[in-house]
């Protein structure tokens, strides 16, 4: 059974929305070093499980992780 052009279009749209339209960007800044005192990456402030699971997380779960990162960052006194 051959796929019609509409079927290919629908496959493309599903792929596009699943992989290309990721709303939540990765917080990785390519400075990967886990702080042994708190378990957070010194670059992005995620935990190892959050880093490992990032590509599998839904956008809503990614946004939840991103919200936690602000509180994990050390506050700079000015």
N, C-alpha and C. Protein backbone atom coordinates (compact mmCIF):
# COMPACT_ATOMS: atom_id res chain seq x y z
N UNK A 1 0.84 -1.18 0.00
CA UNK A 1 0.00 0.00 0.00
C UNK A 1 0.89 1.25 0.00
N UNK A 2 0.64 2.12 -0.93
CA UNK A 2 1.44 3.34 -1.05
C UNK A 2 0.83 4.47 -0.23
N UNK A 3 1.72 5.30 0.29
CA UNK A 3 1.24 6.49 0.98
C UNK A 3 0.95 7.58 -0.03
N UNK A 4 -0.19 8.18 0.10
CA UNK A 4 -0.55 9.28 -0.77
C UNK A 4 0.19 10.53 -0.31
N UNK A 5 0.21 11.56 -1.14
CA UNK A 5 0.93 12.78 -0.79
C UNK A 5 0.35 13.43 0.47
N UNK A 6 -0.96 13.32 0.68
CA UNK A 6 -1.56 13.86 1.90
C UNK A 6 -1.05 13.11 3.12
N UNK A 7 -0.88 11.79 2.98
CA UNK A 7 -0.35 11.00 4.09
C UNK A 7 1.07 11.44 4.43
N UNK A 8 1.90 11.67 3.43
CA UNK A 8 3.26 12.14 3.66
C UNK A 8 3.25 13.51 4.32
N UNK A 9 2.33 14.34 3.90
CA UNK A 9 2.22 15.67 4.50
C UNK A 9 1.87 15.55 5.98
N UNK A 10 0.94 14.69 6.32
CA UNK A 10 0.54 14.50 7.71
C UNK A 10 1.69 13.92 8.54
N UNK A 11 2.45 13.01 7.96
CA UNK A 11 3.62 12.47 8.65
C UNK A 11 4.61 13.59 8.91
N UNK A 12 4.85 14.43 7.94
CA UNK A 12 5.77 15.56 8.09
C UNK A 12 5.28 16.51 9.18
N UNK A 13 4.00 16.85 9.18
CA UNK A 13 3.45 17.77 10.18
C UNK A 13 3.60 17.18 11.58
N UNK A 14 3.30 15.91 11.73
CA UNK A 14 3.46 15.27 13.05
C UNK A 14 4.90 15.31 13.49
N UNK A 15 5.83 14.99 12.59
CA UNK A 15 7.25 15.04 12.93
C UNK A 15 7.65 16.47 13.29
N UNK A 16 7.22 17.42 12.52
CA UNK A 16 7.58 18.83 12.74
C UNK A 16 7.13 19.31 14.11
N UNK A 17 5.88 19.04 14.44
CA UNK A 17 5.36 19.50 15.73
C UNK A 17 5.98 18.74 16.89
N UNK A 18 6.39 17.51 16.68
CA UNK A 18 6.97 16.72 17.76
C UNK A 18 8.42 17.13 18.03
N UNK A 19 9.18 17.41 16.99
CA UNK A 19 10.61 17.62 17.17
C UNK A 19 11.10 19.03 16.87
N UNK A 20 10.50 19.71 15.94
CA UNK A 20 11.02 21.01 15.52
C UNK A 20 10.48 22.17 16.34
N UNK A 21 9.32 22.04 16.91
CA UNK A 21 8.72 23.14 17.64
C UNK A 21 8.88 22.98 19.15
N UNK A 22 10.08 22.71 19.58
CA UNK A 22 10.33 22.62 21.00
C UNK A 22 10.33 24.03 21.56
N UNK A 23 9.40 24.32 22.43
CA UNK A 23 9.24 25.65 22.98
C UNK A 23 10.31 25.96 24.01
N UNK A 24 10.58 25.01 24.88
CA UNK A 24 11.53 25.23 25.96
C UNK A 24 12.95 24.91 25.50
N UNK A 25 13.82 25.92 25.42
CA UNK A 25 15.19 25.67 24.98
C UNK A 25 16.01 25.02 26.08
N UNK A 26 17.03 24.32 25.70
CA UNK A 26 17.93 23.73 26.68
C UNK A 26 18.71 24.84 27.37
N UNK A 27 18.87 24.76 28.69
CA UNK A 27 19.64 25.77 29.41
C UNK A 27 21.15 25.49 29.36
N UNK A 28 21.56 24.44 28.66
CA UNK A 28 22.97 24.07 28.61
C UNK A 28 23.81 25.19 27.99
N UNK A 29 24.93 25.51 28.66
CA UNK A 29 25.86 26.51 28.13
C UNK A 29 27.22 25.89 27.84
N UNK A 30 27.24 24.55 27.77
CA UNK A 30 28.45 23.78 27.47
C UNK A 30 29.56 23.97 28.50
N UNK A 31 29.19 24.16 29.74
CA UNK A 31 30.13 24.15 30.85
C UNK A 31 29.60 23.10 31.83
N UNK A 32 29.90 21.85 31.53
CA UNK A 32 29.32 20.73 32.25
C UNK A 32 30.26 20.27 33.37
N UNK A 33 29.86 20.55 34.59
CA UNK A 33 30.64 20.19 35.77
C UNK A 33 29.67 20.10 36.93
N UNK A 34 29.52 18.90 37.47
CA UNK A 34 28.57 18.69 38.56
C UNK A 34 29.22 19.08 39.89
N UNK A 35 28.56 19.96 40.61
CA UNK A 35 29.03 20.38 41.93
C UNK A 35 28.72 19.25 42.92
N UNK A 36 29.74 18.66 43.55
CA UNK A 36 29.48 17.54 44.46
C UNK A 36 28.74 17.96 45.74
N UNK A 37 28.76 19.24 46.06
CA UNK A 37 28.08 19.71 47.27
C UNK A 37 26.56 19.70 47.15
N UNK A 38 26.05 20.03 45.94
CA UNK A 38 24.59 20.10 45.78
C UNK A 38 24.05 19.25 44.63
N UNK A 39 24.92 18.68 43.80
CA UNK A 39 24.47 17.83 42.70
C UNK A 39 24.00 18.58 41.47
N UNK A 40 24.21 19.90 41.43
CA UNK A 40 23.78 20.70 40.28
C UNK A 40 24.97 20.94 39.35
N UNK A 41 24.67 21.00 38.06
CA UNK A 41 25.68 21.38 37.07
C UNK A 41 26.04 22.84 37.31
N UNK A 42 27.32 23.14 37.29
CA UNK A 42 27.76 24.52 37.51
C UNK A 42 27.43 25.43 36.32
N UNK A 43 27.16 24.85 35.17
CA UNK A 43 26.82 25.65 33.99
C UNK A 43 25.35 25.95 33.87
N UNK A 44 24.51 24.92 34.01
CA UNK A 44 23.07 25.11 33.77
C UNK A 44 22.22 24.91 35.02
N UNK A 45 22.80 24.40 36.09
CA UNK A 45 22.12 24.20 37.38
C UNK A 45 21.08 23.09 37.36
N UNK A 46 21.16 22.20 36.36
CA UNK A 46 20.29 21.03 36.37
C UNK A 46 20.98 19.89 37.10
N UNK A 47 20.17 18.91 37.53
CA UNK A 47 20.72 17.69 38.12
C UNK A 47 21.07 16.72 36.99
N UNK A 48 21.85 15.69 37.31
CA UNK A 48 22.17 14.70 36.27
C UNK A 48 20.93 14.05 35.67
N UNK A 49 19.92 13.65 36.48
CA UNK A 49 18.71 13.09 35.85
C UNK A 49 17.99 14.10 34.94
N UNK A 50 17.97 15.36 35.32
CA UNK A 50 17.32 16.37 34.47
C UNK A 50 18.07 16.54 33.16
N UNK A 51 19.39 16.48 33.23
CA UNK A 51 20.20 16.58 32.01
C UNK A 51 19.98 15.36 31.12
N UNK A 52 20.03 14.18 31.72
CA UNK A 52 19.89 12.93 30.96
C UNK A 52 18.51 12.79 30.33
N UNK A 53 17.49 13.26 31.02
CA UNK A 53 16.11 13.10 30.54
C UNK A 53 15.61 14.25 29.68
N UNK A 54 16.40 15.30 29.51
CA UNK A 54 15.93 16.52 28.86
C UNK A 54 15.26 16.26 27.51
N UNK A 55 15.89 15.46 26.67
CA UNK A 55 15.34 15.24 25.32
C UNK A 55 14.03 14.46 25.34
N UNK A 56 13.75 13.76 26.43
CA UNK A 56 12.53 12.96 26.54
C UNK A 56 11.40 13.70 27.27
N UNK A 57 11.72 14.82 27.91
CA UNK A 57 10.71 15.55 28.68
C UNK A 57 9.74 16.29 27.76
N UNK A 58 8.51 16.38 28.22
CA UNK A 58 7.53 17.19 27.48
C UNK A 58 7.88 18.67 27.69
N UNK A 59 7.32 19.52 26.86
CA UNK A 59 7.58 20.96 27.02
C UNK A 59 7.16 21.46 28.38
N UNK A 60 6.04 20.98 28.89
CA UNK A 60 5.58 21.44 30.20
C UNK A 60 6.56 21.00 31.30
N UNK A 61 7.10 19.79 31.18
CA UNK A 61 8.10 19.34 32.16
C UNK A 61 9.40 20.13 32.04
N UNK A 62 9.78 20.46 30.81
CA UNK A 62 10.97 21.29 30.61
C UNK A 62 10.79 22.66 31.25
N UNK A 63 9.60 23.22 31.09
CA UNK A 63 9.32 24.52 31.70
C UNK A 63 9.37 24.45 33.21
N UNK A 64 8.92 23.35 33.79
CA UNK A 64 9.00 23.16 35.24
C UNK A 64 10.46 23.14 35.70
N UNK A 65 11.31 22.44 34.95
CA UNK A 65 12.74 22.40 35.28
C UNK A 65 13.33 23.80 35.17
N UNK A 66 13.00 24.51 34.09
CA UNK A 66 13.54 25.85 33.89
C UNK A 66 13.15 26.79 35.03
N UNK A 67 11.94 26.62 35.56
CA UNK A 67 11.51 27.46 36.68
C UNK A 67 12.36 27.20 37.93
N UNK A 68 12.75 25.96 38.14
CA UNK A 68 13.57 25.60 39.30
C UNK A 68 14.98 26.17 39.22
N UNK A 69 15.48 26.37 38.01
CA UNK A 69 16.88 26.77 37.83
C UNK A 69 17.18 28.14 38.41
N UNK A 70 16.25 29.05 38.32
CA UNK A 70 16.48 30.40 38.82
C UNK A 70 16.77 30.38 40.32
N UNK A 71 16.05 29.55 41.04
CA UNK A 71 16.26 29.46 42.50
C UNK A 71 17.58 28.75 42.83
N UNK A 72 18.07 27.92 41.93
CA UNK A 72 19.31 27.20 42.17
C UNK A 72 20.56 28.03 41.90
N UNK A 73 20.41 29.05 41.07
CA UNK A 73 21.56 29.90 40.73
C UNK A 73 21.99 30.70 41.94
N UNK A 74 23.30 30.81 42.16
CA UNK A 74 23.74 31.65 43.27
C UNK A 74 23.37 33.11 43.00
N UNK A 75 22.91 33.77 44.03
CA UNK A 75 22.52 35.17 43.88
C UNK A 75 23.76 36.06 44.02
N UNK A 76 23.95 36.94 43.06
CA UNK A 76 25.08 37.85 43.07
C UNK A 76 24.66 39.13 43.78
N UNK A 77 25.43 39.50 44.81
CA UNK A 77 25.15 40.72 45.54
C UNK A 77 25.84 41.90 44.83
N UNK A 78 25.05 42.92 44.52
CA UNK A 78 25.62 44.06 43.80
C UNK A 78 25.71 45.27 44.68
